[in-house]
Amino acid sequence: MDLDSPYSLVLSPAPESRSEVLDAHASPFKVVVDPVMRTRLRKALTDLIDHHDNSLAEYVTEGKLSLESYKEYIELFARSLRETMESREGVTYLLKATGLDVPPESVNLMPEWRWK
């Protein structure tokens, strides 16, 4: 079996500056988003999900909330997350978790999609 291939992987040289990494105009075929920010955002969302899950579980355990099914639990869980993410406080939490200090009153809860 011949393992030699006429093709090989070629690595691009490392960018010389951070701005080069974040230059979304460098390629018309992809958008470059800061991977550190994305990691922080993912962690903040996971923490938020865990917090909502733990809070609902506590309410049920303490008898403050009654449930009829797993379906209802998931529906309430989704509602809880939706209400948080539809609030300035929820979006501000995500902004702060990613390192941005933005006052809640300046958060746009209905940003426009600018598709190209």
N, C-alpha and C. Protein backbone atom coordinates (compact mmCIF):
# COMPACT_ATOMS: atom_id res chain seq x y z
N MET A 1 0.84 -1.17 0.00
CA MET A 1 0.00 0.00 0.00
C MET A 1 0.89 1.24 0.00
N ASP A 2 0.68 2.09 -0.96
CA ASP A 2 1.49 3.28 -1.11
C ASP A 2 0.87 4.43 -0.31
N LEU A 3 1.60 4.93 0.71
CA LEU A 3 1.09 6.01 1.55
C LEU A 3 1.53 7.38 1.05
N ASP A 4 2.39 7.42 0.05
CA ASP A 4 2.82 8.71 -0.47
C ASP A 4 1.67 9.35 -1.25
N SER A 5 1.47 10.62 -1.01
CA SER A 5 0.38 11.33 -1.66
C SER A 5 0.96 12.54 -2.39
N PRO A 6 0.39 12.89 -3.51
CA PRO A 6 0.87 14.09 -4.19
C PRO A 6 0.43 15.37 -3.47
N TYR A 7 -0.39 15.23 -2.42
CA TYR A 7 -0.90 16.38 -1.69
C TYR A 7 -0.27 16.45 -0.31
N SER A 8 -0.16 17.64 0.22
CA SER A 8 0.34 17.80 1.59
C SER A 8 -0.33 19.00 2.22
N LEU A 9 -0.36 19.01 3.53
CA LEU A 9 -0.93 20.14 4.27
C LEU A 9 0.11 21.24 4.34
N VAL A 10 -0.32 22.45 4.12
CA VAL A 10 0.57 23.59 4.18
C VAL A 10 -0.01 24.54 5.22
N LEU A 11 0.80 24.89 6.20
CA LEU A 11 0.35 25.80 7.24
C LEU A 11 0.64 27.24 6.83
N SER A 12 -0.31 28.10 7.08
CA SER A 12 -0.10 29.52 6.84
C SER A 12 0.84 30.05 7.90
N PRO A 13 1.64 31.02 7.55
CA PRO A 13 2.51 31.61 8.58
C PRO A 13 1.67 32.28 9.65
N ALA A 14 2.16 32.30 10.87
CA ALA A 14 1.44 32.92 11.99
C ALA A 14 1.27 34.41 11.72
N PRO A 15 0.12 34.95 12.06
CA PRO A 15 -0.07 36.39 11.88
C PRO A 15 0.88 37.17 12.76
N GLU A 16 1.31 38.31 12.26
CA GLU A 16 2.27 39.09 13.02
C GLU A 16 1.63 39.94 14.10
N SER A 17 0.33 40.20 13.97
CA SER A 17 -0.34 41.00 14.98
C SER A 17 -1.74 40.48 15.21
N ARG A 18 -2.30 40.82 16.36
CA ARG A 18 -3.66 40.40 16.70
C ARG A 18 -4.67 40.98 15.72
N SER A 19 -4.44 42.20 15.24
CA SER A 19 -5.38 42.82 14.31
C SER A 19 -5.46 42.02 13.01
N GLU A 20 -4.36 41.38 12.65
CA GLU A 20 -4.37 40.55 11.45
C GLU A 20 -5.29 39.34 11.64
N VAL A 21 -5.32 38.78 12.86
CA VAL A 21 -6.18 37.64 13.15
C VAL A 21 -7.64 38.07 13.11
N LEU A 22 -7.94 39.27 13.59
CA LEU A 22 -9.32 39.72 13.69
C LEU A 22 -9.82 40.45 12.44
N ASP A 23 -9.02 40.50 11.39
CA ASP A 23 -9.41 41.20 10.18
C ASP A 23 -10.43 40.38 9.40
N ALA A 24 -11.70 40.72 9.54
CA ALA A 24 -12.76 39.98 8.87
C ALA A 24 -12.73 40.18 7.37
N HIS A 25 -12.03 41.20 6.91
CA HIS A 25 -11.97 41.49 5.47
C HIS A 25 -10.84 40.73 4.78
N ALA A 26 -10.07 39.97 5.54
CA ALA A 26 -8.95 39.24 4.97
C ALA A 26 -9.40 38.20 3.96
N SER A 27 -10.57 37.63 4.15
CA SER A 27 -11.11 36.65 3.22
C SER A 27 -12.60 36.92 3.04
N PRO A 28 -13.06 36.95 1.81
CA PRO A 28 -14.49 37.18 1.61
C PRO A 28 -15.34 35.95 1.94
N PHE A 29 -14.72 34.83 2.28
CA PHE A 29 -15.45 33.59 2.48
C PHE A 29 -15.64 33.21 3.93
N LYS A 30 -15.11 33.98 4.85
CA LYS A 30 -15.29 33.65 6.26
C LYS A 30 -15.25 34.91 7.11
N VAL A 31 -15.86 34.81 8.25
CA VAL A 31 -15.82 35.88 9.22
C VAL A 31 -14.93 35.41 10.36
N VAL A 32 -14.02 36.23 10.75
CA VAL A 32 -13.12 35.86 11.83
C VAL A 32 -13.64 36.48 13.12
N VAL A 33 -13.93 35.65 14.09
CA VAL A 33 -14.38 36.11 15.39
C VAL A 33 -13.32 35.70 16.40
N ASP A 34 -13.04 36.60 17.32
CA ASP A 34 -12.01 36.35 18.33
C ASP A 34 -12.30 35.04 19.06
N PRO A 35 -11.42 34.05 18.96
CA PRO A 35 -11.68 32.76 19.61
C PRO A 35 -11.72 32.85 21.14
N VAL A 36 -11.00 33.78 21.72
CA VAL A 36 -11.03 33.95 23.18
C VAL A 36 -12.41 34.45 23.61
N MET A 37 -12.94 35.42 22.87
CA MET A 37 -14.27 35.93 23.18
C MET A 37 -15.31 34.82 23.04
N ARG A 38 -15.20 34.02 21.99
CA ARG A 38 -16.16 32.94 21.78
C ARG A 38 -16.09 31.92 22.91
N THR A 39 -14.89 31.63 23.39
CA THR A 39 -14.73 30.69 24.50
C THR A 39 -15.36 31.25 25.77
N ARG A 40 -15.14 32.53 26.03
CA ARG A 40 -15.75 33.18 27.21
C ARG A 40 -17.27 33.19 27.10
N LEU A 41 -17.78 33.47 25.91
CA LEU A 41 -19.23 33.48 25.70
C LEU A 41 -19.81 32.09 25.91
N ARG A 42 -19.16 31.09 25.38
CA ARG A 42 -19.63 29.71 25.55
C ARG A 42 -19.66 29.32 27.03
N LYS A 43 -18.62 29.71 27.77
CA LYS A 43 -18.57 29.40 29.21
C LYS A 43 -19.67 30.15 29.95
N ALA A 44 -19.88 31.41 29.60
CA ALA A 44 -20.94 32.20 30.25
C ALA A 44 -22.31 31.59 29.98
N LEU A 45 -22.54 31.13 28.77
CA LEU A 45 -23.82 30.48 28.45
C LEU A 45 -23.98 29.17 29.21
N THR A 46 -22.92 28.40 29.31
CA THR A 46 -22.97 27.15 30.07
C THR A 46 -23.25 27.43 31.54
N ASP A 47 -22.58 28.44 32.10
CA ASP A 47 -22.82 28.81 33.50
C ASP A 47 -24.27 29.27 33.70
N LEU A 48 -24.78 30.04 32.75
CA LEU A 48 -26.16 30.51 32.83
C LEU A 48 -27.14 29.34 32.77
N ILE A 49 -26.91 28.41 31.88
CA ILE A 49 -27.75 27.22 31.77
C ILE A 49 -27.72 26.43 33.07
N ASP A 50 -26.52 26.23 33.63
CA ASP A 50 -26.39 25.50 34.90
C ASP A 50 -27.12 26.22 36.02
N HIS A 51 -27.01 27.55 36.05
CA HIS A 51 -27.69 28.31 37.09
C HIS A 51 -29.21 28.14 37.01
N HIS A 52 -29.75 28.25 35.80
CA HIS A 52 -31.20 28.09 35.61
C HIS A 52 -31.65 26.68 35.98
N ASP A 53 -30.88 25.70 35.57
CA ASP A 53 -31.21 24.31 35.88
C ASP A 53 -31.20 24.07 37.38
N ASN A 54 -30.16 24.55 38.05
CA ASN A 54 -30.05 24.38 39.51
C ASN A 54 -31.17 25.11 40.24
N SER A 55 -31.49 26.32 39.79
CA SER A 55 -32.56 27.09 40.44
C SER A 55 -33.90 26.38 40.30
N LEU A 56 -34.22 25.92 39.10
CA LEU A 56 -35.49 25.20 38.91
C LEU A 56 -35.53 23.93 39.76
N ALA A 57 -34.41 23.21 39.80
CA ALA A 57 -34.36 21.97 40.59
C ALA A 57 -34.58 22.28 42.08
N GLU A 58 -34.00 23.38 42.56
CA GLU A 58 -34.19 23.76 43.96
C GLU A 58 -35.66 24.09 44.23
N TYR A 59 -36.28 24.85 43.34
CA TYR A 59 -37.69 25.22 43.53
C TYR A 59 -38.57 23.97 43.59
N VAL A 60 -38.28 23.00 42.75
CA VAL A 60 -39.06 21.76 42.76
C VAL A 60 -38.81 20.99 44.05
N THR A 61 -37.55 20.87 44.44
CA THR A 61 -37.18 20.13 45.66
C THR A 61 -37.80 20.76 46.90
N GLU A 62 -37.84 22.09 46.95
CA GLU A 62 -38.39 22.80 48.11
C GLU A 62 -39.92 22.87 48.07
N GLY A 63 -40.52 22.35 47.03
CA GLY A 63 -41.97 22.38 46.91
C GLY A 63 -42.55 23.71 46.48
N LYS A 64 -41.71 24.61 45.99
CA LYS A 64 -42.17 25.92 45.54
C LYS A 64 -42.70 25.89 44.11
N LEU A 65 -42.38 24.83 43.40
CA LEU A 65 -42.79 24.70 42.00
C LEU A 65 -43.21 23.26 41.77
N SER A 66 -44.37 23.09 41.18
CA SER A 66 -44.82 21.73 40.89
C SER A 66 -44.73 21.47 39.39
N LEU A 67 -44.38 20.25 39.06
CA LEU A 67 -44.23 19.84 37.67
C LEU A 67 -45.03 18.58 37.42
N GLU A 68 -45.55 18.47 36.22
CA GLU A 68 -46.28 17.27 35.86
C GLU A 68 -45.48 16.32 34.99
N SER A 69 -44.43 16.84 34.35
CA SER A 69 -43.67 15.98 33.44
C SER A 69 -42.31 16.59 33.14
N TYR A 70 -41.44 15.79 32.53
CA TYR A 70 -40.15 16.30 32.04
C TYR A 70 -40.39 17.36 30.97
N LYS A 71 -41.43 17.15 30.16
CA LYS A 71 -41.78 18.10 29.12
C LYS A 71 -42.02 19.48 29.72
N GLU A 72 -42.81 19.52 30.80
CA GLU A 72 -43.10 20.80 31.44
C GLU A 72 -41.84 21.42 32.03
N TYR A 73 -40.97 20.59 32.60
CA TYR A 73 -39.70 21.09 33.15
C TYR A 73 -38.89 21.77 32.05
N ILE A 74 -38.79 21.11 30.90
CA ILE A 74 -38.01 21.66 29.79
C ILE A 74 -38.66 22.94 29.26
N GLU A 75 -39.99 22.96 29.20
CA GLU A 75 -40.68 24.16 28.76
C GLU A 75 -40.41 25.34 29.70
N LEU A 76 -40.45 25.08 31.00
CA LEU A 76 -40.18 26.13 31.98
C LEU A 76 -38.72 26.56 31.93
N PHE A 77 -37.84 25.60 31.74
CA PHE A 77 -36.41 25.88 31.62
C PHE A 77 -36.17 26.79 30.40
N ALA A 78 -36.77 26.45 29.27
CA ALA A 78 -36.62 27.26 28.06
C ALA A 78 -37.20 28.66 28.27
N ARG A 79 -38.34 28.73 28.94
CA ARG A 79 -38.96 30.04 29.21
C ARG A 79 -38.04 30.89 30.08
N SER A 80 -37.47 30.28 31.10
CA SER A 80 -36.58 30.98 32.00
C SER A 80 -35.37 31.54 31.25
N LEU A 81 -34.76 30.73 30.40
CA LEU A 81 -33.62 31.20 29.62
C LEU A 81 -34.03 32.30 28.64
N ARG A 82 -35.16 32.12 27.97
CA ARG A 82 -35.64 33.12 27.01
C ARG A 82 -35.87 34.46 27.71
N GLU A 83 -36.54 34.43 28.87
CA GLU A 83 -36.82 35.67 29.58
C GLU A 83 -35.54 36.36 30.03
N THR A 84 -34.54 35.58 30.40
CA THR A 84 -33.26 36.16 30.79
C THR A 84 -32.58 36.79 29.59
N MET A 85 -32.56 36.09 28.47
CA MET A 85 -31.86 36.60 27.29
C MET A 85 -32.61 37.72 26.59
N GLU A 86 -33.89 37.89 26.92
CA GLU A 86 -34.65 39.02 26.36
C GLU A 86 -34.54 40.26 27.24
N SER A 87 -33.74 40.16 28.29
CA SER A 87 -33.61 41.30 29.21
C SER A 87 -32.24 41.96 29.05
N ARG A 88 -32.19 43.24 29.37
CA ARG A 88 -30.91 43.96 29.34
C ARG A 88 -29.92 43.34 30.32
N GLU A 89 -30.42 42.87 31.45
CA GLU A 89 -29.54 42.27 32.45
C GLU A 89 -28.89 40.99 31.92
N GLY A 90 -29.67 40.18 31.22
CA GLY A 90 -29.14 38.93 30.67
C GLY A 90 -28.06 39.18 29.63
N VAL A 91 -28.32 40.14 28.73
CA VAL A 91 -27.33 40.45 27.70
C VAL A 91 -26.11 41.11 28.32
N THR A 92 -26.33 41.97 29.32
CA THR A 92 -25.21 42.61 30.01
C THR A 92 -24.33 41.57 30.69
N TYR A 93 -24.96 40.54 31.28
CA TYR A 93 -24.19 39.45 31.89
C TYR A 93 -23.25 38.81 30.87
N LEU A 94 -23.77 38.52 29.67
CA LEU A 94 -22.93 37.91 28.64
C LEU A 94 -21.83 38.86 28.19
N LEU A 95 -22.15 40.14 28.05
CA LEU A 95 -21.14 41.11 27.65
C LEU A 95 -20.02 41.18 28.69
N LYS A 96 -20.38 41.26 29.96
CA LYS A 96 -19.37 41.33 31.02
C LYS A 96 -18.53 40.05 31.07
N ALA A 97 -19.17 38.91 30.84
CA ALA A 97 -18.45 37.64 30.87
C ALA A 97 -17.41 37.55 29.76
N THR A 98 -17.63 38.28 28.68
CA THR A 98 -16.68 38.25 27.57
C THR A 98 -15.67 39.38 27.65
N GLY A 99 -15.75 40.18 28.73
CA GLY A 99 -14.77 41.23 28.95
C GLY A 99 -15.20 42.61 28.51
N LEU A 100 -16.46 42.78 28.15
CA LEU A 100 -16.96 44.08 27.72
C LEU A 100 -17.78 44.71 28.84
N ASP A 101 -17.46 45.94 29.19
CA ASP A 101 -18.19 46.65 30.24
C ASP A 101 -19.14 47.64 29.56
N VAL A 102 -20.37 47.21 29.36
CA VAL A 102 -21.37 48.01 28.65
C VAL A 102 -22.52 48.30 29.61
N PRO A 103 -22.92 49.56 29.74
CA PRO A 103 -24.05 49.86 30.62
C PRO A 103 -25.34 49.22 30.08
N PRO A 104 -26.16 48.67 30.97
CA PRO A 104 -27.39 48.00 30.54
C PRO A 104 -28.29 48.85 29.65
N GLU A 105 -28.34 50.16 29.92
CA GLU A 105 -29.23 51.01 29.12
C GLU A 105 -28.77 51.16 27.67
N SER A 106 -27.54 50.80 27.36
CA SER A 106 -27.07 50.91 25.98
C SER A 106 -27.17 49.58 25.22
N VAL A 107 -27.69 48.53 25.86
CA VAL A 107 -27.82 47.23 25.21
C VAL A 107 -28.99 47.27 24.24
N ASN A 108 -28.74 46.83 23.02
CA ASN A 108 -29.76 46.76 21.98
C ASN A 108 -30.39 45.37 22.02
N LEU A 109 -31.64 45.29 22.45
CA LEU A 109 -32.31 43.99 22.54
C LEU A 109 -32.88 43.51 21.21
N MET A 110 -32.88 44.37 20.22
CA MET A 110 -33.38 44.00 18.89
C MET A 110 -32.39 44.41 17.80
N PRO A 111 -31.16 43.87 17.83
CA PRO A 111 -30.20 44.25 16.79
C PRO A 111 -30.66 43.74 15.43
N GLU A 112 -30.31 44.48 14.41
CA GLU A 112 -30.68 44.09 13.06
C GLU A 112 -29.70 43.08 12.50
N TRP A 113 -30.21 42.12 11.76
CA TRP A 113 -29.36 41.20 11.01
C TRP A 113 -28.91 41.96 9.78
N ARG A 114 -27.63 41.99 9.51
CA ARG A 114 -27.13 42.66 8.32
C ARG A 114 -26.50 41.63 7.40
N TRP A 115 -27.35 40.83 6.79
CA TRP A 115 -26.90 39.79 5.87
C TRP A 115 -26.32 40.42 4.62
N LYS A 116 -25.35 39.77 4.07
CA LYS A 116 -24.74 40.24 2.81
C LYS A 116 -24.98 39.24 1.73
